[in-house]
PDB file of N, CA and C in Angstrom:
ATOM      1  N   MET A   1     -20.718 189.976   5.945  1.00  0.00           N
ATOM      2  CA  MET A   1     -20.086 189.367   4.800  1.00  0.00           C
ATOM      3  C   MET A   1     -19.756 190.462   3.796  1.00  0.00           C
ATOM      4  N   ASN A   2     -18.594 190.365   3.210  1.00  0.00           N
ATOM      5  CA  ASN A   2     -18.198 191.269   2.139  1.00  0.00           C
ATOM      6  C   ASN A   2     -18.107 190.482   0.848  1.00  0.00           C
ATOM      7  N   THR A   3     -18.505 191.104  -0.237  1.00  0.00           N
ATOM      8  CA  THR A   3     -18.350 190.535  -1.565  1.00  0.00           C
ATOM      9  C   THR A   3     -18.026 191.676  -2.511  1.00  0.00           C
ATOM     10  N   THR A   4     -17.539 191.363  -3.684  1.00  0.00           N
ATOM     11  CA  THR A   4     -17.099 192.377  -4.633  1.00  0.00           C
ATOM     12  C   THR A   4     -18.054 192.436  -5.817  1.00  0.00           C
ATOM     13  N   ILE A   5     -18.391 193.638  -6.257  1.00  0.00           N
ATOM     14  CA  ILE A   5     -19.187 193.802  -7.473  1.00  0.00           C
ATOM     15  C   ILE A   5     -18.287 193.436  -8.648  1.00  0.00           C
ATOM     16  N   ARG A   6     -18.777 192.550  -9.511  1.00  0.00           N
ATOM     17  CA  ARG A   6     -17.978 192.063 -10.638  1.00  0.00           C
ATOM     18  C   ARG A   6     -18.662 192.376 -11.959  1.00  0.00           C
ATOM     19  N   LYS A   7     -17.868 192.497 -12.980  1.00  0.00           N
ATOM     20  CA  LYS A   7     -18.370 192.688 -14.333  1.00  0.00           C
ATOM     21  C   LYS A   7     -18.894 191.345 -14.826  1.00  0.00           C
ATOM     22  N   ILE A   8     -20.137 191.328 -15.309  1.00  0.00           N
ATOM     23  CA  ILE A   8     -20.756 190.124 -15.852  1.00  0.00           C
ATOM     24  C   ILE A   8     -21.359 190.518 -17.198  1.00  0.00           C
ATOM     25  N   GLY A   9     -20.655 190.241 -18.275  1.00  0.00           N
ATOM     26  CA  GLY A   9     -21.092 190.699 -19.599  1.00  0.00           C
ATOM     27  C   GLY A   9     -21.080 192.213 -19.628  1.00  0.00           C
ATOM     28  N   ASN A  10     -22.207 192.825 -20.025  1.00  0.00           N
ATOM     29  CA  ASN A  10     -22.325 194.283 -20.045  1.00  0.00           C
ATOM     30  C   ASN A  10     -22.888 194.829 -18.740  1.00  0.00           C
ATOM     31  N   SER A  11     -23.109 193.960 -17.763  1.00  0.00           N
ATOM     32  CA  SER A  11     -23.696 194.355 -16.486  1.00  0.00           C
ATOM     33  C   SER A  11     -22.683 194.188 -15.368  1.00  0.00           C
ATOM     34  N   GLU A  12     -23.125 194.472 -14.168  1.00  0.00           N
ATOM     35  CA  GLU A  12     -22.327 194.244 -12.970  1.00  0.00           C
ATOM     36  C   GLU A  12     -23.200 193.503 -11.975  1.00  0.00           C
ATOM     37  N   GLY A  13     -22.591 192.655 -11.159  1.00  0.00           N
ATOM     38  CA  GLY A  13     -23.377 191.874 -10.219  1.00  0.00           C
ATOM     39  C   GLY A  13     -22.555 191.395  -9.045  1.00  0.00           C
ATOM     40  N   LEU A  14     -23.252 190.795  -8.099  1.00  0.00           N
ATOM     41  CA  LEU A  14     -22.629 190.233  -6.903  1.00  0.00           C
ATOM     42  C   LEU A  14     -22.655 188.719  -6.992  1.00  0.00           C
ATOM     43  N   ILE A  15     -21.569 188.099  -6.587  1.00  0.00           N
ATOM     44  CA  ILE A  15     -21.515 186.644  -6.487  1.00  0.00           C
ATOM     45  C   ILE A  15     -21.751 186.295  -5.018  1.00  0.00           C
ATOM     46  N   LEU A  16     -22.783 185.496  -4.756  1.00  0.00           N
ATOM     47  CA  LEU A  16     -23.117 185.105  -3.385  1.00  0.00           C
ATOM     48  C   LEU A  16     -22.637 183.677  -3.151  1.00  0.00           C
ATOM     49  N   PRO A  17     -21.922 183.439  -2.051  1.00  0.00           N
ATOM     50  CA  PRO A  17     -21.418 182.095  -1.762  1.00  0.00           C
ATOM     51  C   PRO A  17     -22.552 181.080  -1.584  1.00  0.00           C
ATOM     52  N   LYS A  18     -22.301 179.842  -2.013  1.00  0.00           N
ATOM     53  CA  LYS A  18     -23.301 178.786  -1.899  1.00  0.00           C
ATOM     54  C   LYS A  18     -23.776 178.608  -0.461  1.00  0.00           C
ATOM     55  N   GLU A  19     -22.866 178.706   0.500  1.00  0.00           N
ATOM     56  CA  GLU A  19     -23.264 178.523   1.908  1.00  0.00           C
ATOM     57  C   GLU A  19     -24.305 179.558   2.328  1.00  0.00           C
ATOM     58  N   LEU A  20     -24.200 180.793   1.847  1.00  0.00           N
ATOM     59  CA  LEU A  20     -25.194 181.826   2.157  1.00  0.00           C
ATOM     60  C   LEU A  20     -26.514 181.505   1.465  1.00  0.00           C
ATOM     61  N   LEU A  21     -26.455 181.140   0.190  1.00  0.00           N
ATOM     62  CA  LEU A  21     -27.677 180.799  -0.543  1.00  0.00           C
ATOM     63  C   LEU A  21     -28.399 179.634   0.119  1.00  0.00           C
ATOM     64  N   ASP A  22     -27.653 178.642   0.583  1.00  0.00           N
ATOM     65  CA  ASP A  22     -28.266 177.503   1.277  1.00  0.00           C
ATOM     66  C   ASP A  22     -28.952 177.949   2.563  1.00  0.00           C
ATOM     67  N   ARG A  23     -28.313 178.839   3.316  1.00  0.00           N
ATOM     68  CA  ARG A  23     -28.881 179.300   4.598  1.00  0.00           C
ATOM     69  C   ARG A  23     -30.199 180.028   4.406  1.00  0.00           C
ATOM     70  N   VAL A  24     -30.328 180.774   3.299  1.00  0.00           N
ATOM     71  CA  VAL A  24     -31.552 181.555   3.075  1.00  0.00           C
ATOM     72  C   VAL A  24     -32.458 180.900   2.029  1.00  0.00           C
ATOM     73  N   ASN A  25     -32.133 179.644   1.675  1.00  0.00           N
ATOM     74  CA  ASN A  25     -32.959 178.843   0.772  1.00  0.00           C
ATOM     75  C   ASN A  25     -33.199 179.537  -0.573  1.00  0.00           C
ATOM     76  N   LEU A  26     -32.126 180.037  -1.194  1.00  0.00           N
ATOM     77  CA  LEU A  26     -32.218 180.658  -2.512  1.00  0.00           C
ATOM     78  C   LEU A  26     -31.398 179.860  -3.509  1.00  0.00           C
ATOM     79  N   LYS A  27     -31.787 179.971  -4.789  1.00  0.00           N
ATOM     80  CA  LYS A  27     -31.041 179.310  -5.859  1.00  0.00           C
ATOM     81  C   LYS A  27     -31.063 180.202  -7.094  1.00  0.00           C
ATOM     82  N   ALA A  28     -30.252 179.853  -8.083  1.00  0.00           N
ATOM     83  CA  ALA A  28     -30.193 180.615  -9.328  1.00  0.00           C
ATOM     84  C   ALA A  28     -31.595 180.745  -9.921  1.00  0.00           C
ATOM     85  N   GLY A  29     -31.946 181.949 -10.339  1.00  0.00           N
ATOM     86  CA  GLY A  29     -33.256 182.204 -10.932  1.00  0.00           C
ATOM     87  C   GLY A  29     -34.278 182.756  -9.954  1.00  0.00           C
ATOM     88  N   ASP A  30     -34.025 182.638  -8.640  1.00  0.00           N
ATOM     89  CA  ASP A  30     -34.943 183.200  -7.647  1.00  0.00           C
ATOM     90  C   ASP A  30     -34.864 184.723  -7.668  1.00  0.00           C
ATOM     91  N   ASN A  31     -35.978 185.375  -7.386  1.00  0.00           N
ATOM     92  CA  ASN A  31     -36.007 186.830  -7.264  1.00  0.00           C
ATOM     93  C   ASN A  31     -35.735 187.229  -5.824  1.00  0.00           C
ATOM     94  N   VAL A  32     -35.016 188.326  -5.647  1.00  0.00           N
ATOM     95  CA  VAL A  32     -34.767 188.880  -4.320  1.00  0.00           C
ATOM     96  C   VAL A  32     -35.129 190.359  -4.340  1.00  0.00           C
ATOM     97  N   VAL A  33     -35.447 190.900  -3.191  1.00  0.00           N
ATOM     98  CA  VAL A  33     -35.758 192.317  -3.046  1.00  0.00           C
ATOM     99  C   VAL A  33     -34.529 193.007  -2.474  1.00  0.00           C
ATOM    100  N   VAL A  34     -34.099 194.086  -3.120  1.00  0.00           N
ATOM    101  CA  VAL A  34     -32.963 194.874  -2.648  1.00  0.00           C
ATOM    102  C   VAL A  34     -33.495 196.243  -2.250  1.00  0.00           C
ATOM    103  N   VAL A  35     -33.170 196.680  -1.033  1.00  0.00           N
ATOM    104  CA  VAL A  35     -33.639 197.951  -0.505  1.00  0.00           C
ATOM    105  C   VAL A  35     -32.437 198.832  -0.214  1.00  0.00           C
ATOM    106  N   GLN A  36     -32.483 200.085  -0.674  1.00  0.00           N
ATOM    107  CA  GLN A  36     -31.413 201.039  -0.374  1.00  0.00           C
ATOM    108  C   GLN A  36     -31.755 201.775   0.903  1.00  0.00           C
ATOM    109  N   GLU A  37     -30.814 201.770   1.853  1.00  0.00           N
ATOM    110  CA  GLU A  37     -30.944 202.528   3.098  1.00  0.00           C
ATOM    111  C   GLU A  37     -29.698 203.383   3.223  1.00  0.00           C
ATOM    112  N   GLY A  38     -29.813 204.660   2.876  1.00  0.00           N
ATOM    113  CA  GLY A  38     -28.644 205.534   2.868  1.00  0.00           C
ATOM    114  C   GLY A  38     -27.658 205.042   1.832  1.00  0.00           C
ATOM    115  N   GLN A  39     -26.434 204.737   2.271  1.00  0.00           N
ATOM    116  CA  GLN A  39     -25.396 204.239   1.368  1.00  0.00           C
ATOM    117  C   GLN A  39     -25.310 202.712   1.364  1.00  0.00           C
ATOM    118  N   GLU A  40     -26.293 202.037   1.943  1.00  0.00           N
ATOM    119  CA  GLU A  40     -26.265 200.579   2.035  1.00  0.00           C
ATOM    120  C   GLU A  40     -27.390 199.953   1.234  1.00  0.00           C
ATOM    121  N   LEU A  41     -27.150 198.738   0.754  1.00  0.00           N
ATOM    122  CA  LEU A  41     -28.182 197.918   0.136  1.00  0.00           C
ATOM    123  C   LEU A  41     -28.497 196.792   1.099  1.00  0.00           C
ATOM    124  N   ARG A  42     -29.769 196.527   1.294  1.00  0.00           N
ATOM    125  CA  ARG A  42     -30.199 195.439   2.191  1.00  0.00           C
ATOM    126  C   ARG A  42     -31.178 194.554   1.466  1.00  0.00           C
TER     127      ARG A  42
END
């Protein structure tokens, strides 16, 4: 899946499609872990 980093106020963020959030059982306000592997985020 590709998504675009967007400007959100003074920050930048990713918009995740609802279908993806439903598949991984996440909702607004949930914490996620982001890991950098080389030039990728996982």
